Amino acid sequence: MSSVSCIKKIFVPVLVCLFLGACSGSNAKKDLQVFCAASLTEVMTALADSFTAETGQKVSLSFASSGTLARQIQMGAPANLFLSANKQWVDYLINSNLVGDTGYWEIAGNALVLIANNSIFDKELTLKQAVNHRFAIGDPNMVPVGLYARQALENLDLWEGNQFLLGRDVKHVLKLVEMGEADMGIVYRTDAISSTKVRVLETLPENMHQPVRYHICMMGAVPHPATEAFLSFVKSPKAKVVWEKYGFNQLPQRVY
């Protein structure tokens, strides 16, 4: 094993030990508060469990739409880290002077897919045909998956004149289709593959909407000794395996 590989393997555990050892026992025992877009539920739960097993530091995860979480943080919710399903809601917190001066990162990528309820449709439909049925998307004003969906529908001239069921987050949109309250809908690829009650009809080309990118930032107002260690962990090669297991592309690069 090369010296570089050895350094990568021990870097995260050493970093978190340095952070935790540098502060009082009571502070070290506090849960790290991480606010995550709903579509990250499975992957972030797995990453948090792995981080806790490796370091002993507990991580408390809160899941909702990116817009809902950003507004909660703005109102004083004690988040140490925020993972958004698009850049817009990170910028929203930056403009509110709530993001730490360490900047933020583009952490992962996803894709947008058209899904159908398995028990309702047995034929393949295009997006242009699908909007004539009961159709669910996320609320574009609060949910990144809804904003991406609206962009795709507008590019096909399918937005105006059509009625859509609006979900509060991507998990809600998926549930609407699973339960048959909507025949079809637009969700992330990662959510579609987690369900046995829906099938993917089409992966929407990325040139029809903004690329689906997740961003992570440290909040400046609520410090925690393990924040930087967890940030390094989710960007690490070890975490890359977990991201890919749940259908994401790990794309760690500094944005700001």
C-alpha atoms as a PDB file:
ATOM      1  CA  MET A   1       0.000   0.000   0.000  1.00  0.00           C
ATOM      2  CA  SER A   2       1.393   3.415  -0.962  1.00  0.00           C
ATOM      3  CA  SER A   3       2.017   6.134   1.610  1.00  0.00           C
ATOM      4  CA  VAL A   4      -0.702   8.251  -0.053  1.00  0.00           C
ATOM      5  CA  SER A   5      -3.245   5.435   0.362  1.00  0.00           C
ATOM      6  CA  CYS A   6      -2.281   5.026   4.001  1.00  0.00           C
ATOM      7  CA  ILE A   7      -2.757   8.737   4.624  1.00  0.00           C
ATOM      8  CA  LYS A   8      -6.225   8.655   3.019  1.00  0.00           C
ATOM      9  CA  LYS A   9      -7.204   5.623   5.080  1.00  0.00           C
ATOM     10  CA  ILE A  10      -6.337   7.187   8.433  1.00  0.00           C
ATOM     11  CA  PHE A  11      -7.092  10.843   7.704  1.00  0.00           C
ATOM     12  CA  VAL A  12     -10.770  10.989   8.708  1.00  0.00           C
ATOM     13  CA  PRO A  13     -10.481   9.042  11.995  1.00  0.00           C
ATOM     14  CA  VAL A  14      -7.433  11.099  13.018  1.00  0.00           C
ATOM     15  CA  LEU A  15      -9.162  14.369  12.142  1.00  0.00           C
ATOM     16  CA  VAL A  16     -12.268  13.613  14.176  1.00  0.00           C
ATOM     17  CA  CYS A  17     -10.178  12.512  17.154  1.00  0.00           C
ATOM     18  CA  LEU A  18      -8.274  15.784  17.046  1.00  0.00           C
ATOM     19  CA  PHE A  19     -11.527  17.746  16.965  1.00  0.00           C
ATOM     20  CA  LEU A  20     -13.175  15.773  19.728  1.00  0.00           C
ATOM     21  CA  GLY A  21     -10.094  15.764  21.911  1.00  0.00           C
ATOM     22  CA  ALA A  22      -9.706  19.507  21.650  1.00  0.00           C
ATOM     23  CA  CYS A  23     -12.996  20.260  23.352  1.00  0.00           C
ATOM     24  CA  SER A  24     -14.720  19.392  26.605  1.00  0.00           C
ATOM     25  CA  GLY A  25     -16.317  15.978  27.118  1.00  0.00           C
ATOM     26  CA  SER A  26     -19.792  17.473  27.289  1.00  0.00           C
ATOM     27  CA  ASN A  27     -19.444  19.198  23.905  1.00  0.00           C
ATOM     28  CA  ALA A  28     -17.984  16.094  22.299  1.00  0.00           C
ATOM     29  CA  LYS A  29     -20.999  14.054  23.379  1.00  0.00           C
ATOM     30  CA  LYS A  30     -23.497  16.335  21.665  1.00  0.00           C
ATOM     31  CA  ASP A  31     -25.004  14.924  18.488  1.00  0.00           C
ATOM     32  CA  LEU A  32     -23.850  16.477  15.249  1.00  0.00           C
ATOM     33  CA  GLN A  33     -26.946  18.061  13.667  1.00  0.00           C
ATOM     34  CA  VAL A  34     -27.160  17.443   9.912  1.00  0.00           C
ATOM     35  CA  PHE A  35     -30.107  18.724   7.845  1.00  0.00           C
ATOM     36  CA  CYS A  36     -30.570  16.779   4.592  1.00  0.00           C
ATOM     37  CA  ALA A  37     -32.781  16.889   1.506  1.00  0.00           C
ATOM     38  CA  ALA A  38     -35.386  14.106   1.699  1.00  0.00           C
ATOM     39  CA  SER A  39     -33.923  12.288  -1.303  1.00  0.00           C
ATOM     40  CA  LEU A  40     -30.757  11.658   0.738  1.00  0.00           C
ATOM     41  CA  THR A  41     -32.558   9.653   3.437  1.00  0.00           C
ATOM     42  CA  GLU A  42     -31.078   6.237   2.695  1.00  0.00           C
ATOM     43  CA  VAL A  43     -27.544   7.260   1.733  1.00  0.00           C
ATOM     44  CA  MET A  44     -27.061   9.759   4.565  1.00  0.00           C
ATOM     45  CA  THR A  45     -28.412   7.305   7.130  1.00  0.00           C
ATOM     46  CA  ALA A  46     -25.846   4.769   5.945  1.00  0.00           C
ATOM     47  CA  LEU A  47     -23.023   7.350   5.949  1.00  0.00           C
ATOM     48  CA  ALA A  48     -23.944   8.645   9.399  1.00  0.00           C
ATOM     49  CA  ASP A  49     -24.040   5.105  10.808  1.00  0.00           C
ATOM     50  CA  SER A  50     -20.629   4.374   9.311  1.00  0.00           C
ATOM     51  CA  PHE A  51     -19.175   7.622  10.683  1.00  0.00           C
ATOM     52  CA  THR A  52     -20.528   6.873  14.168  1.00  0.00           C
ATOM     53  CA  ALA A  53     -19.173   3.328  14.102  1.00  0.00           C
ATOM     54  CA  GLU A  54     -15.760   4.641  13.090  1.00  0.00           C
ATOM     55  CA  THR A  55     -15.488   7.636  15.407  1.00  0.00           C
ATOM     56  CA  GLY A  56     -18.036   7.208  18.183  1.00  0.00           C
ATOM     57  CA  GLN A  57     -19.600  10.571  17.300  1.00  0.00           C
ATOM     58  CA  LYS A  58     -23.397  10.405  17.032  1.00  0.00           C
ATOM     59  CA  VAL A  59     -25.095  12.173  14.127  1.00  0.00           C
ATOM     60  CA  SER A  60     -28.694  13.404  14.259  1.00  0.00           C
ATOM     61  CA  LEU A  61     -30.271  13.607  10.796  1.00  0.00           C
ATOM     62  CA  SER A  62     -33.264  15.763   9.845  1.00  0.00           C
ATOM     63  CA  PHE A  63     -34.921  15.130   6.463  1.00  0.00           C
ATOM     64  CA  ALA A  64     -37.341  17.367   4.549  1.00  0.00           C
ATOM     65  CA  SER A  65     -37.417  19.372   1.340  1.00  0.00           C
ATOM     66  CA  SER A  66     -34.376  21.594   0.845  1.00  0.00           C
ATOM     67  CA  GLY A  67     -36.543  24.718   0.954  1.00  0.00           C
ATOM     68  CA  THR A  68     -38.231  23.689   4.199  1.00  0.00           C
ATOM     69  CA  LEU A  69     -34.900  22.964   5.868  1.00  0.00           C
ATOM     70  CA  ALA A  70     -33.320  26.211   4.676  1.00  0.00           C
ATOM     71  CA  ARG A  71     -36.210  28.200   6.107  1.00  0.00           C
ATOM     72  CA  GLN A  72     -35.973  26.290   9.391  1.00  0.00           C
ATOM     73  CA  ILE A  73     -32.274  27.129   9.614  1.00  0.00           C
ATOM     74  CA  GLN A  74     -32.998  30.767   8.847  1.00  0.00           C
ATOM     75  CA  MET A  75     -35.502  30.764  11.718  1.00  0.00           C
ATOM     76  CA  GLY A  76     -32.892  29.440  14.140  1.00  0.00           C
ATOM     77  CA  ALA A  77     -32.897  25.643  13.841  1.00  0.00           C
ATOM     78  CA  PRO A  78     -29.539  24.386  15.220  1.00  0.00           C
ATOM     79  CA  ALA A  79     -27.994  22.789  12.130  1.00  0.00           C
ATOM     80  CA  ASN A  80     -24.257  22.145  11.885  1.00  0.00           C
ATOM     81  CA  LEU A  81     -24.360  20.999   8.260  1.00  0.00           C
ATOM     82  CA  PHE A  82     -26.906  21.457   5.467  1.00  0.00           C
ATOM     83  CA  LEU A  83     -27.204  19.225   2.398  1.00  0.00           C
ATOM     84  CA  SER A  84     -29.407  20.704  -0.312  1.00  0.00           C
ATOM     85  CA  ALA A  85     -30.654  19.088  -3.526  1.00  0.00           C
ATOM     86  CA  ASN A  86     -29.676  22.227  -5.426  1.00  0.00           C
ATOM     87  CA  LYS A  87     -27.490  25.314  -5.113  1.00  0.00           C
ATOM     88  CA  GLN A  88     -30.401  27.733  -4.758  1.00  0.00           C
ATOM     89  CA  TRP A  89     -31.138  26.981  -1.094  1.00  0.00           C
ATOM     90  CA  VAL A  90     -27.478  27.160  -0.109  1.00  0.00           C
ATOM     91  CA  ASP A  91     -27.307  30.578  -1.763  1.00  0.00           C
ATOM     92  CA  TYR A  92     -30.437  31.502   0.183  1.00  0.00           C
ATOM     93  CA  LEU A  93     -28.591  30.828   3.454  1.00  0.00           C
ATOM     94  CA  ILE A  94     -25.434  32.550   2.234  1.00  0.00           C
ATOM     95  CA  ASN A  95     -27.481  35.662   1.517  1.00  0.00           C
ATOM     96  CA  SER A  96     -28.823  35.395   5.078  1.00  0.00           C
ATOM     97  CA  ASN A  97     -25.210  35.324   6.375  1.00  0.00           C
ATOM     98  CA  LEU A  98     -25.698  31.894   7.942  1.00  0.00           C
ATOM     99  CA  VAL A  99     -23.082  29.831   6.080  1.00  0.00           C
ATOM    100  CA  GLY A 100     -19.639  29.529   7.632  1.00  0.00           C
ATOM    101  CA  ASP A 101     -16.624  31.090   5.930  1.00  0.00           C
ATOM    102  CA  THR A 102     -15.317  27.623   5.025  1.00  0.00           C
ATOM    103  CA  GLY A 103     -17.520  27.747   1.912  1.00  0.00           C
ATOM    104  CA  TYR A 104     -19.551  24.920   0.438  1.00  0.00           C
ATOM    105  CA  TRP A 105     -19.139  21.894  -1.782  1.00  0.00           C
ATOM    106  CA  GLU A 106     -20.903  20.171  -4.648  1.00  0.00           C
ATOM    107  CA  ILE A 107     -21.050  16.702  -3.155  1.00  0.00           C
ATOM    108  CA  ALA A 108     -23.082  14.396  -5.436  1.00  0.00           C
ATOM    109  CA  GLY A 109     -25.144  14.071  -8.598  1.00  0.00           C
ATOM    110  CA  ASN A 110     -28.444  12.402  -9.464  1.00  0.00           C
ATOM    111  CA  ALA A 111     -30.822  12.062 -12.412  1.00  0.00           C
ATOM    112  CA  LEU A 112     -34.481  12.866 -13.039  1.00  0.00           C
ATOM    113  CA  VAL A 113     -36.825  10.054 -14.115  1.00  0.00           C
ATOM    114  CA  LEU A 114     -40.434   9.591 -15.171  1.00  0.00           C
ATOM    115  CA  ILE A 115     -42.136   6.856 -13.127  1.00  0.00           C
ATOM    116  CA  ALA A 116     -45.461   5.022 -13.301  1.00  0.00           C
ATOM    117  CA  ASN A 117     -47.441   2.991 -10.806  1.00  0.00           C
ATOM    118  CA  ASN A 118     -46.867  -0.702 -11.535  1.00  0.00           C
ATOM    119  CA  SER A 119     -50.478  -1.756 -11.014  1.00  0.00           C
ATOM    120  CA  ILE A 120     -52.038   0.905 -13.234  1.00  0.00           C
ATOM    121  CA  PHE A 121     -50.072   1.022 -16.453  1.00  0.00           C
ATOM    122  CA  ASP A 122     -48.615  -1.856 -18.394  1.00  0.00           C
ATOM    123  CA  LYS A 123     -47.530   0.147 -21.412  1.00  0.00           C
ATOM    124  CA  GLU A 124     -44.659   2.516 -21.964  1.00  0.00           C
ATOM    125  CA  LEU A 125     -45.536   6.196 -22.292  1.00  0.00           C
ATOM    126  CA  THR A 126     -43.452   9.233 -23.131  1.00  0.00           C
ATOM    127  CA  LEU A 127     -43.455  12.332 -20.953  1.00  0.00           C
ATOM    128  CA  LYS A 128     -45.662  14.118 -23.490  1.00  0.00           C
ATOM    129  CA  GLN A 129     -48.243  11.348 -23.173  1.00  0.00           C
ATOM    130  CA  ALA A 130     -47.863  11.006 -19.399  1.00  0.00           C
ATOM    131  CA  VAL A 131     -48.974  14.553 -18.540  1.00  0.00           C
ATOM    132  CA  ASN A 132     -52.456  13.680 -19.817  1.00  0.00           C
ATOM    133  CA  HIS A 133     -52.860  11.390 -16.796  1.00  0.00           C
ATOM    134  CA  ARG A 134     -52.852  12.136 -13.066  1.00  0.00           C
ATOM    135  CA  PHE A 135     -49.340  13.453 -12.688  1.00  0.00           C
ATOM    136  CA  ALA A 136     -47.282  14.333  -9.594  1.00  0.00           C
ATOM    137  CA  ILE A 137     -44.223  16.551  -9.207  1.00  0.00           C
ATOM    138  CA  GLY A 138     -42.605  18.339  -6.305  1.00  0.00           C
ATOM    139  CA  ASP A 139     -43.698  21.877  -5.497  1.00  0.00           C
ATOM    140  CA  PRO A 140     -41.311  23.963  -7.660  1.00  0.00           C
ATOM    141  CA  ASN A 141     -41.352  26.809  -5.135  1.00  0.00           C
ATOM    142  CA  MET A 142     -39.974  24.692  -2.295  1.00  0.00           C
ATOM    143  CA  VAL A 143     -38.637  21.415  -3.679  1.00  0.00           C
ATOM    144  CA  PRO A 144     -35.613  21.155  -6.014  1.00  0.00           C
ATOM    145  CA  VAL A 145     -37.017  18.020  -7.688  1.00  0.00           C
ATOM    146  CA  GLY A 146     -40.095  20.093  -8.551  1.00  0.00           C
ATOM    147  CA  LEU A 147     -37.982  22.912  -9.947  1.00  0.00           C
ATOM    148  CA  TYR A 148     -36.021  20.474 -12.113  1.00  0.00           C
ATOM    149  CA  ALA A 149     -39.303  18.874 -13.250  1.00  0.00           C
ATOM    150  CA  ARG A 150     -40.811  22.232 -14.160  1.00  0.00           C
ATOM    151  CA  GLN A 151     -37.729  23.105 -16.223  1.00  0.00           C
ATOM    152  CA  ALA A 152     -38.047  19.845 -18.172  1.00  0.00           C
ATOM    153  CA  LEU A 153     -41.785  20.311 -18.713  1.00  0.00           C
ATOM    154  CA  GLU A 154     -41.291  23.907 -19.853  1.00  0.00           C
ATOM    155  CA  ASN A 155     -38.637  22.814 -22.332  1.00  0.00           C
ATOM    156  CA  LEU A 156     -41.219  20.485 -23.889  1.00  0.00           C
ATOM    157  CA  ASP A 157     -43.996  23.098 -23.721  1.00  0.00           C
ATOM    158  CA  LEU A 158     -45.879  20.887 -21.285  1.00  0.00           C
ATOM    159  CA  TRP A 159     -46.084  23.217 -18.292  1.00  0.00           C
ATOM    160  CA  GLU A 160     -48.831  25.625 -19.289  1.00  0.00           C
ATOM    161  CA  GLY A 161     -52.331  24.197 -19.430  1.00  0.00           C
ATOM    162  CA  ASN A 162     -51.624  21.034 -17.455  1.00  0.00           C
ATOM    163  CA  GLN A 163     -52.603  20.258 -13.864  1.00  0.00           C
ATOM    164  CA  PHE A 164     -50.132  18.612 -11.493  1.00  0.00           C
ATOM    165  CA  LEU A 165     -50.362  17.158  -8.013  1.00  0.00           C
ATOM    166  CA  LEU A 166     -47.691  18.931  -5.944  1.00  0.00           C
ATOM    167  CA  GLY A 167     -45.671  16.964  -3.398  1.00  0.00           C
ATOM    168  CA  ARG A 168     -43.984  18.512  -0.361  1.00  0.00           C
ATOM    169  CA  ASP A 169     -40.751  16.621  -1.137  1.00  0.00           C
ATOM    170  CA  VAL A 170     -39.582  13.853  -3.456  1.00  0.00           C
ATOM    171  CA  LYS A 171     -40.577  11.095  -1.022  1.00  0.00           C
ATOM    172  CA  HIS A 172     -44.110  12.482  -1.019  1.00  0.00           C
ATOM    173  CA  VAL A 173     -44.200  12.488  -4.831  1.00  0.00           C
ATOM    174  CA  LEU A 174     -43.021   8.874  -4.859  1.00  0.00           C
ATOM    175  CA  LYS A 175     -45.686   7.936  -2.301  1.00  0.00           C
ATOM    176  CA  LEU A 176     -48.430   9.580  -4.376  1.00  0.00           C
ATOM    177  CA  VAL A 177     -47.523   7.355  -7.318  1.00  0.00           C
ATOM    178  CA  GLU A 178     -47.000   4.248  -5.186  1.00  0.00           C
ATOM    179  CA  MET A 179     -50.470   4.630  -3.622  1.00  0.00           C
ATOM    180  CA  GLY A 180     -52.153   5.292  -6.967  1.00  0.00           C
ATOM    181  CA  GLU A 181     -53.193   8.839  -6.084  1.00  0.00           C
ATOM    182  CA  ALA A 182     -51.146   9.808  -9.129  1.00  0.00           C
ATOM    183  CA  ASP A 183     -50.613   7.570 -12.142  1.00  0.00           C
ATOM    184  CA  MET A 184     -47.204   8.963 -12.931  1.00  0.00           C
ATOM    185  CA  GLY A 185     -44.685  11.447 -11.665  1.00  0.00           C
ATOM    186  CA  ILE A 186     -41.162  12.811 -11.826  1.00  0.00           C
ATOM    187  CA  VAL A 187     -38.699  11.859  -9.091  1.00  0.00           C
ATOM    188  CA  TYR A 188     -34.982  11.270  -8.720  1.00  0.00           C
ATOM    189  CA  ARG A 189     -33.484   8.056 -10.071  1.00  0.00           C
ATOM    190  CA  THR A 190     -32.319   7.104  -6.571  1.00  0.00           C
ATOM    191  CA  ASP A 191     -35.846   7.259  -5.154  1.00  0.00           C
ATOM    192  CA  ALA A 192     -37.319   5.292  -8.056  1.00  0.00           C
ATOM    193  CA  ILE A 193     -34.885   2.391  -7.645  1.00  0.00           C
ATOM    194  CA  SER A 194     -35.689   2.194  -3.929  1.00  0.00           C
ATOM    195  CA  SER A 195     -39.342   1.303  -4.663  1.00  0.00           C
ATOM    196  CA  THR A 196     -40.890  -1.967  -5.862  1.00  0.00           C
ATOM    197  CA  LYS A 197     -44.247  -0.298  -6.566  1.00  0.00           C
ATOM    198  CA  VAL A 198     -43.160   1.925  -9.453  1.00  0.00           C
ATOM    199  CA  ARG A 199     -41.138   1.520 -12.599  1.00  0.00           C
ATOM    200  CA  VAL A 200     -39.009   3.949 -14.574  1.00  0.00           C
ATOM    201  CA  LEU A 201     -40.447   4.849 -17.987  1.00  0.00           C
ATOM    202  CA  GLU A 202     -37.794   7.331 -18.994  1.00  0.00           C
ATOM    203  CA  THR A 203     -34.661   9.054 -17.748  1.00  0.00           C
ATOM    204  CA  LEU A 204     -34.982  12.724 -18.622  1.00  0.00           C
ATOM    205  CA  PRO A 205     -32.003  14.111 -20.558  1.00  0.00           C
ATOM    206  CA  GLU A 206     -29.926  16.466 -18.419  1.00  0.00           C
ATOM    207  CA  ASN A 207     -30.028  19.128 -21.140  1.00  0.00           C
ATOM    208  CA  MET A 208     -33.763  19.507 -20.416  1.00  0.00           C
ATOM    209  CA  HIS A 209     -33.110  20.863 -16.919  1.00  0.00           C
ATOM    210  CA  GLN A 210     -30.345  22.093 -14.660  1.00  0.00           C
ATOM    211  CA  PRO A 211     -28.000  19.264 -13.653  1.00  0.00           C
ATOM    212  CA  VAL A 212     -29.159  17.595 -10.430  1.00  0.00           C
ATOM    213  CA  ARG A 213     -26.406  18.439  -7.975  1.00  0.00           C
ATOM    214  CA  TYR A 214     -26.339  18.210  -4.178  1.00  0.00           C
ATOM    215  CA  HIS A 215     -24.480  20.825  -2.157  1.00  0.00           C
ATOM    216  CA  ILE A 216     -23.200  20.694   1.403  1.00  0.00           C
ATOM    217  CA  CYS A 217     -22.217  23.595   3.634  1.00  0.00           C
ATOM    218  CA  MET A 218     -21.211  24.220   7.229  1.00  0.00           C
ATOM    219  CA  MET A 219     -23.401  26.576   9.205  1.00  0.00           C
ATOM    220  CA  GLY A 220     -21.510  29.395  10.862  1.00  0.00           C
ATOM    221  CA  ALA A 221     -23.802  30.069  13.818  1.00  0.00           C
ATOM    222  CA  VAL A 222     -23.756  26.600  15.408  1.00  0.00           C
ATOM    223  CA  PRO A 223     -20.233  25.186  15.858  1.00  0.00           C
ATOM    224  CA  HIS A 224     -19.543  21.530  16.616  1.00  0.00           C
ATOM    225  CA  PRO A 225     -16.100  19.932  16.963  1.00  0.00           C
ATOM    226  CA  ALA A 226     -16.905  17.101  14.535  1.00  0.00           C
ATOM    227  CA  THR A 227     -18.384  19.190  11.713  1.00  0.00           C
ATOM    228  CA  GLU A 228     -15.279  19.347   9.536  1.00  0.00           C
ATOM    229  CA  ALA A 229     -14.534  15.677  10.168  1.00  0.00           C
ATOM    230  CA  PHE A 230     -17.984  14.614   8.968  1.00  0.00           C
ATOM    231  CA  LEU A 231     -17.694  16.904   5.937  1.00  0.00           C
ATOM    232  CA  SER A 232     -14.370  15.262   5.071  1.00  0.00           C
ATOM    233  CA  PHE A 233     -15.882  11.834   5.614  1.00  0.00           C
ATOM    234  CA  VAL A 234     -18.789  12.272   3.162  1.00  0.00           C
ATOM    235  CA  LYS A 235     -16.319  13.531   0.533  1.00  0.00           C
ATOM    236  CA  SER A 236     -13.863  10.680   1.080  1.00  0.00           C
ATOM    237  CA  PRO A 237     -13.109   7.720  -1.240  1.00  0.00           C
ATOM    238  CA  LYS A 238     -14.556   5.421   1.411  1.00  0.00           C
ATOM    239  CA  ALA A 239     -17.876   7.291   1.263  1.00  0.00           C
ATOM    240  CA  LYS A 240     -17.855   7.136  -2.550  1.00  0.00           C
ATOM    241  CA  VAL A 241     -18.716   3.436  -2.355  1.00  0.00           C
ATOM    242  CA  VAL A 242     -21.792   4.243  -0.247  1.00  0.00           C
ATOM    243  CA  TRP A 243     -22.939   7.061  -2.531  1.00  0.00           C
ATOM    244  CA  GLU A 244     -22.731   4.753  -5.545  1.00  0.00           C
ATOM    245  CA  LYS A 245     -24.494   1.899  -3.728  1.00  0.00           C
ATOM    246  CA  TYR A 246     -27.580   4.116  -3.456  1.00  0.00           C
ATOM    247  CA  GLY A 247     -27.411   5.334  -7.055  1.00  0.00           C
ATOM    248  CA  PHE A 248     -25.638   8.685  -6.629  1.00  0.00           C
ATOM    249  CA  ASN A 249     -22.508   9.964  -8.315  1.00  0.00           C
ATOM    250  CA  GLN A 250     -20.059  11.349  -5.773  1.00  0.00           C
ATOM    251  CA  LEU A 251     -18.745  14.638  -7.193  1.00  0.00           C
ATOM    252  CA  PRO A 252     -16.854  16.432  -4.412  1.00  0.00           C
ATOM    253  CA  GLN A 253     -15.633  19.819  -5.579  1.00  0.00           C
ATOM    254  CA  ARG A 254     -15.449  23.151  -3.856  1.00  0.00           C
ATOM    255  CA  VAL A 255     -17.929  25.720  -5.160  1.00  0.00           C
ATOM    256  CA  TYR A 256     -17.295  28.695  -2.863  1.00  0.00           C
END
